[in-house]
C-alpha cells in the first residue's frame, strides 16, 4: 500500500520533517504501508529518512520538490496526507481516497484549521497537526471516512449553454 504526502505549492517544514521520522514510518508500516511518496515543495532539503531499511521498516520512499503530474500519484495512493490548504484538501477528497489534512499553525491566520476542522466534523477527512500525525496513522480512523460527494456539473453547463445561445 502507498501513502502520498503533499505540501502543495509552498513548503511545510514541520510536516516534511515529521514524515521522515522513525515514529511515523513505524506507524505506516504497522498499517500495512510499504511505499511513501513525499512532495516536499520548498521543504525538499528537510526530508531525511532514517538511513537503514530496518529503521524505515521496509518502506520504499521517494521524495521530490514538485511534479507536473500529481494526479498520477494521487491515483496510486491508498492514503493521502496533505497540508490543510483548500486546494490540496479538495483534490484529495475528490480522489475518493482516505485523507488526513495536516494544519500548519505557523501561518498568520487560522483559515486552514477552520476549513479542515469543518470537513473533519462532517466525516470527510481526519485533521491533525504534525506532532500527532504518527498516532493518527496508527489509530487508522481514516479508514472509516465518508466519501466526499461529487458535484453535479450539469447546472453550470446549462447556464453556459443558455448564455452562449443568446
C-alpha atoms as a PDB file:
ATOM      1  CA  UNK A   1       0.000   0.000   0.000  1.00  0.00           C
ATOM      2  CA  UNK A   2       1.161   3.538  -0.727  1.00  0.00           C
ATOM      3  CA  UNK A   3       0.860   6.809   1.164  1.00  0.00           C
ATOM      4  CA  UNK A   4       1.224  10.111  -0.681  1.00  0.00           C
ATOM      5  CA  UNK A   5       2.197  13.237   1.258  1.00  0.00           C
ATOM      6  CA  UNK A   6       1.875  16.655  -0.372  1.00  0.00           C
ATOM      7  CA  UNK A   7       2.659  20.127   0.916  1.00  0.00           C
ATOM      8  CA  UNK A   8       1.287  21.823  -2.203  1.00  0.00           C
ATOM      9  CA  UNK A   9       2.909  24.765  -3.920  1.00  0.00           C
ATOM     10  CA  UNK A  10       4.900  26.113  -0.982  1.00  0.00           C
ATOM     11  CA  UNK A  11       6.596  24.257   1.838  1.00  0.00           C
ATOM     12  CA  UNK A  12       5.731  22.896   5.255  1.00  0.00           C
ATOM     13  CA  UNK A  13       8.941  22.184   7.146  1.00  0.00           C
ATOM     14  CA  UNK A  14       7.338  20.583  10.176  1.00  0.00           C
ATOM     15  CA  UNK A  15       5.273  18.140   8.102  1.00  0.00           C
ATOM     16  CA  UNK A  16       8.220  17.121   5.916  1.00  0.00           C
ATOM     17  CA  UNK A  17      10.381  16.519   8.977  1.00  0.00           C
ATOM     18  CA  UNK A  18       7.591  14.521  10.635  1.00  0.00           C
ATOM     19  CA  UNK A  19       7.037  12.123   7.721  1.00  0.00           C
ATOM     20  CA  UNK A  20      10.722  11.232   7.686  1.00  0.00           C
ATOM     21  CA  UNK A  21      10.812  10.162  11.334  1.00  0.00           C
ATOM     22  CA  UNK A  22      11.155   6.616  12.556  1.00  0.00           C
ATOM     23  CA  UNK A  23       7.955   7.004  14.613  1.00  0.00           C
ATOM     24  CA  UNK A  24       5.883   7.979  11.574  1.00  0.00           C
ATOM     25  CA  UNK A  25       7.372   5.245   9.372  1.00  0.00           C
ATOM     26  CA  UNK A  26       6.677   2.648  12.070  1.00  0.00           C
ATOM     27  CA  UNK A  27       3.039   3.782  12.210  1.00  0.00           C
ATOM     28  CA  UNK A  28       2.737   3.452   8.417  1.00  0.00           C
ATOM     29  CA  UNK A  29       4.341   0.016   8.396  1.00  0.00           C
ATOM     30  CA  UNK A  30       2.062  -1.067  11.228  1.00  0.00           C
ATOM     31  CA  UNK A  31      -0.924  -0.318   8.977  1.00  0.00           C
ATOM     32  CA  UNK A  32       0.489  -2.304   6.059  1.00  0.00           C
ATOM     33  CA  UNK A  33       2.053   0.507   4.040  1.00  0.00           C
ATOM     34  CA  UNK A  34       5.198  -0.330   2.103  1.00  0.00           C
ATOM     35  CA  UNK A  35       5.610   2.826  -0.021  1.00  0.00           C
ATOM     36  CA  UNK A  36       5.820   6.529   0.868  1.00  0.00           C
ATOM     37  CA  UNK A  37       5.891   9.296  -1.737  1.00  0.00           C
ATOM     38  CA  UNK A  38       6.525  12.815  -0.447  1.00  0.00           C
ATOM     39  CA  UNK A  39       6.081  16.037  -2.414  1.00  0.00           C
ATOM     40  CA  UNK A  40       8.130  18.476  -0.322  1.00  0.00           C
ATOM     41  CA  UNK A  41       7.903  21.822  -2.133  1.00  0.00           C
ATOM     42  CA  UNK A  42      10.307  24.383  -0.651  1.00  0.00           C
ATOM     43  CA  UNK A  43      10.973  21.999   2.247  1.00  0.00           C
ATOM     44  CA  UNK A  44      12.704  19.438  -0.007  1.00  0.00           C
ATOM     45  CA  UNK A  45      16.053  19.530   1.794  1.00  0.00           C
ATOM     46  CA  UNK A  46      14.390  18.654   5.094  1.00  0.00           C
ATOM     47  CA  UNK A  47      13.210  15.154   4.090  1.00  0.00           C
ATOM     48  CA  UNK A  48      15.801  12.950   5.763  1.00  0.00           C
ATOM     49  CA  UNK A  49      14.503   9.449   6.473  1.00  0.00           C
ATOM     50  CA  UNK A  50      16.492   7.040   8.634  1.00  0.00           C
ATOM     51  CA  UNK A  51      19.427   5.522   6.735  1.00  0.00           C
ATOM     52  CA  UNK A  52      18.775   1.787   7.138  1.00  0.00           C
ATOM     53  CA  UNK A  53      15.978  -0.467   5.962  1.00  0.00           C
ATOM     54  CA  UNK A  54      15.360  -1.701   9.488  1.00  0.00           C
ATOM     55  CA  UNK A  55      14.835   1.906  10.638  1.00  0.00           C
ATOM     56  CA  UNK A  56      12.446   2.583   7.762  1.00  0.00           C
ATOM     57  CA  UNK A  57      10.539  -0.643   8.456  1.00  0.00           C
ATOM     58  CA  UNK A  58      10.952  -1.754   4.834  1.00  0.00           C
ATOM     59  CA  UNK A  59       9.058   1.225   3.415  1.00  0.00           C
ATOM     60  CA  UNK A  60      10.285   2.298  -0.025  1.00  0.00           C
ATOM     61  CA  UNK A  61      10.500   6.091  -0.159  1.00  0.00           C
ATOM     62  CA  UNK A  62      10.535   8.692  -2.873  1.00  0.00           C
ATOM     63  CA  UNK A  63      10.701  12.456  -2.397  1.00  0.00           C
ATOM     64  CA  UNK A  64      10.796  15.440  -4.734  1.00  0.00           C
ATOM     65  CA  UNK A  65      10.059  19.140  -4.687  1.00  0.00           C
ATOM     66  CA  UNK A  66       7.345  19.485  -7.357  1.00  0.00           C
ATOM     67  CA  UNK A  67       5.705  17.385 -10.063  1.00  0.00           C
ATOM     68  CA  UNK A  68       3.728  18.181 -13.177  1.00  0.00           C
ATOM     69  CA  UNK A  69       1.667  15.007 -12.741  1.00  0.00           C
ATOM     70  CA  UNK A  70       0.316  14.982  -9.160  1.00  0.00           C
ATOM     71  CA  UNK A  71      -2.873  13.174 -10.219  1.00  0.00           C
ATOM     72  CA  UNK A  72      -0.843  10.062 -11.084  1.00  0.00           C
ATOM     73  CA  UNK A  73       0.487   9.990  -7.517  1.00  0.00           C
ATOM     74  CA  UNK A  74      -2.951  10.585  -6.036  1.00  0.00           C
ATOM     75  CA  UNK A  75      -4.363   7.736  -8.139  1.00  0.00           C
ATOM     76  CA  UNK A  76      -1.640   5.343  -6.927  1.00  0.00           C
ATOM     77  CA  UNK A  77      -2.086   6.217  -3.257  1.00  0.00           C
ATOM     78  CA  UNK A  78      -4.145   4.336  -0.698  1.00  0.00           C
ATOM     79  CA  UNK A  79      -3.855   7.223   1.779  1.00  0.00           C
ATOM     80  CA  UNK A  80      -3.314  10.919   1.135  1.00  0.00           C
ATOM     81  CA  UNK A  81      -1.708  13.146   3.741  1.00  0.00           C
ATOM     82  CA  UNK A  82      -1.846  16.778   2.712  1.00  0.00           C
ATOM     83  CA  UNK A  83      -1.280  20.195   4.156  1.00  0.00           C
ATOM     84  CA  UNK A  84      -4.609  21.749   5.037  1.00  0.00           C
ATOM     85  CA  UNK A  85      -4.761  24.194   2.135  1.00  0.00           C
ATOM     86  CA  UNK A  86      -8.195  24.230   0.482  1.00  0.00           C
ATOM     87  CA  UNK A  87      -6.882  23.229  -2.956  1.00  0.00           C
ATOM     88  CA  UNK A  88      -4.948  20.224  -1.682  1.00  0.00           C
ATOM     89  CA  UNK A  89      -7.829  19.113   0.507  1.00  0.00           C
ATOM     90  CA  UNK A  90     -10.350  19.270  -2.346  1.00  0.00           C
ATOM     91  CA  UNK A  91      -8.004  17.440  -4.713  1.00  0.00           C
ATOM     92  CA  UNK A  92      -7.569  14.682  -2.145  1.00  0.00           C
ATOM     93  CA  UNK A  93     -11.282  14.440  -1.329  1.00  0.00           C
ATOM     94  CA  UNK A  94     -12.280  14.339  -4.999  1.00  0.00           C
ATOM     95  CA  UNK A  95      -9.934  11.378  -5.473  1.00  0.00           C
ATOM     96  CA  UNK A  96     -12.096   9.314  -3.131  1.00  0.00           C
ATOM     97  CA  UNK A  97      -9.025   8.328  -1.106  1.00  0.00           C
ATOM     98  CA  UNK A  98      -8.865   8.480   2.691  1.00  0.00           C
ATOM     99  CA  UNK A  99      -7.354  11.838   3.594  1.00  0.00           C
ATOM    100  CA  UNK A 100      -5.503  13.234   6.577  1.00  0.00           C
ATOM    101  CA  UNK A 101      -5.166  17.021   6.482  1.00  0.00           C
ATOM    102  CA  UNK A 102      -2.288  18.458   8.489  1.00  0.00           C
ATOM    103  CA  UNK A 103      -2.739  22.007   9.745  1.00  0.00           C
ATOM    104  CA  UNK A 104       0.164  24.431   9.563  1.00  0.00           C
ATOM    105  CA  UNK A 105      -0.197  26.513  12.728  1.00  0.00           C
ATOM    106  CA  UNK A 106       2.718  28.661  11.566  1.00  0.00           C
ATOM    107  CA  UNK A 107       0.505  30.559   9.142  1.00  0.00           C
ATOM    108  CA  UNK A 108      -0.666  34.046  10.072  1.00  0.00           C
ATOM    109  CA  UNK A 109      -4.391  33.319  10.193  1.00  0.00           C
ATOM    110  CA  UNK A 110      -6.076  30.091  11.149  1.00  0.00           C
ATOM    111  CA  UNK A 111      -8.021  29.528   7.920  1.00  0.00           C
ATOM    112  CA  UNK A 112      -6.501  26.079   7.321  1.00  0.00           C
ATOM    113  CA  UNK A 113      -7.733  24.845  10.663  1.00  0.00           C
ATOM    114  CA  UNK A 114     -11.232  26.253  10.084  1.00  0.00           C
ATOM    115  CA  UNK A 115     -11.696  24.565   6.681  1.00  0.00           C
ATOM    116  CA  UNK A 116     -10.119  21.257   7.705  1.00  0.00           C
ATOM    117  CA  UNK A 117     -11.990  21.089  11.016  1.00  0.00           C
ATOM    118  CA  UNK A 118     -15.337  21.639   9.318  1.00  0.00           C
ATOM    119  CA  UNK A 119     -14.644  18.823   6.839  1.00  0.00           C
ATOM    120  CA  UNK A 120     -13.480  16.585   9.694  1.00  0.00           C
ATOM    121  CA  UNK A 121     -16.674  17.304  11.632  1.00  0.00           C
ATOM    122  CA  UNK A 122     -18.698  16.023   8.680  1.00  0.00           C
ATOM    123  CA  UNK A 123     -16.578  12.859   8.484  1.00  0.00           C
ATOM    124  CA  UNK A 124     -14.847  13.513   5.156  1.00  0.00           C
ATOM    125  CA  UNK A 125     -11.282  13.661   6.464  1.00  0.00           C
ATOM    126  CA  UNK A 126      -9.150  13.480   9.568  1.00  0.00           C
ATOM    127  CA  UNK A 127      -7.431  16.671  10.694  1.00  0.00           C
ATOM    128  CA  UNK A 128      -4.292  16.800  12.812  1.00  0.00           C
ATOM    129  CA  UNK A 129      -1.071  18.639  13.476  1.00  0.00           C
ATOM    130  CA  UNK A 130       2.393  17.305  12.589  1.00  0.00           C
ATOM    131  CA  UNK A 131       3.189  16.296  16.173  1.00  0.00           C
ATOM    132  CA  UNK A 132       0.151  13.959  16.264  1.00  0.00           C
ATOM    133  CA  UNK A 133       0.403  12.522  12.748  1.00  0.00           C
ATOM    134  CA  UNK A 134       2.072   9.220  13.684  1.00  0.00           C
ATOM    135  CA  UNK A 135      -0.591   8.425  16.276  1.00  0.00           C
ATOM    136  CA  UNK A 136      -3.398   9.377  13.852  1.00  0.00           C
ATOM    137  CA  UNK A 137      -1.970   6.960  11.279  1.00  0.00           C
ATOM    138  CA  UNK A 138      -1.513   4.239  13.908  1.00  0.00           C
ATOM    139  CA  UNK A 139      -5.140   4.616  15.062  1.00  0.00           C
ATOM    140  CA  UNK A 140      -6.336   4.334  11.422  1.00  0.00           C
ATOM    141  CA  UNK A 141      -9.500   6.403  11.933  1.00  0.00           C
ATOM    142  CA  UNK A 142      -9.035   7.477   8.315  1.00  0.00           C
ATOM    143  CA  UNK A 143     -10.205   4.033   7.190  1.00  0.00           C
ATOM    144  CA  UNK A 144     -13.857   4.755   8.046  1.00  0.00           C
ATOM    145  CA  UNK A 145     -14.282   8.188   6.458  1.00  0.00           C
ATOM    146  CA  UNK A 146     -17.325   9.119   4.390  1.00  0.00           C
ATOM    147  CA  UNK A 147     -16.803   9.639   0.656  1.00  0.00           C
ATOM    148  CA  UNK A 148     -16.895  13.275  -0.370  1.00  0.00           C
ATOM    149  CA  UNK A 149     -19.886  13.916  -2.665  1.00  0.00           C
ATOM    150  CA  UNK A 150     -19.217  14.689  -6.296  1.00  0.00           C
ATOM    151  CA  UNK A 151     -20.728  17.895  -7.608  1.00  0.00           C
ATOM    152  CA  UNK A 152     -23.163  17.670 -10.493  1.00  0.00           C
ATOM    153  CA  UNK A 153     -21.599  19.672 -13.359  1.00  0.00           C
ATOM    154  CA  UNK A 154     -24.879  19.914 -15.315  1.00  0.00           C
ATOM    155  CA  UNK A 155     -26.218  23.158 -13.776  1.00  0.00           C
ATOM    156  CA  UNK A 156     -23.149  25.170 -14.736  1.00  0.00           C
ATOM    157  CA  UNK A 157     -23.191  23.606 -18.193  1.00  0.00           C
ATOM    158  CA  UNK A 158     -26.823  24.589 -18.630  1.00  0.00           C
ATOM    159  CA  UNK A 159     -26.056  28.179 -17.614  1.00  0.00           C
ATOM    160  CA  UNK A 160     -23.172  28.337 -20.078  1.00  0.00           C
ATOM    161  CA  UNK A 161     -25.383  26.906 -22.840  1.00  0.00           C
ATOM    162  CA  UNK A 162     -28.104  29.472 -22.114  1.00  0.00           C
ATOM    163  CA  UNK A 163     -25.685  32.375 -22.101  1.00  0.00           C
ATOM    164  CA  UNK A 164     -23.900  31.369 -25.293  1.00  0.00           C
ATOM    165  CA  UNK A 165     -27.130  30.826 -27.231  1.00  0.00           C
ATOM    166  CA  UNK A 166     -28.257  34.451 -26.819  1.00  0.00           C
END
